[in-house]
């Protein structure tokens, strides 16, 4: 987890996505106990309500579930739900912009595919690499 927040998204969304990332990369498995709200408040040093808002969205989406007096746990099927949600968001948030920019630059579909293959082949996806 990271405590570095950026201003492009509300902090509760960033914390929510970090919990989602932990599930997607198997640091939290289905059935595992998730960090408590108090643990997250202590780690991120943000308001309790900010943490609760992000966590409650995960509960509402069926990613986490609460056991009264015990804590929060990763729900069965959480990873599949997150993958489906993130794939839909990926297409909308990234692919659409990519295609629009490629069209402006007159990059053909074949060139775009080659660029992606080349970039993926380098094994480094960070900016400036």
Foldseek 3Di string as FASTA:
>chain_A
DDLDDDDPDQPLQVVLVVQLVCDQVVVADAFRFDDALVRVCVVNVDDSVSPVVSVVVCVVLQQWHADPPPHIGGHPCNNVSSVVVVVVCCCVPPVVVVVVVCVVVVNDPVNVVVVVVVCVVVVDDDPPD
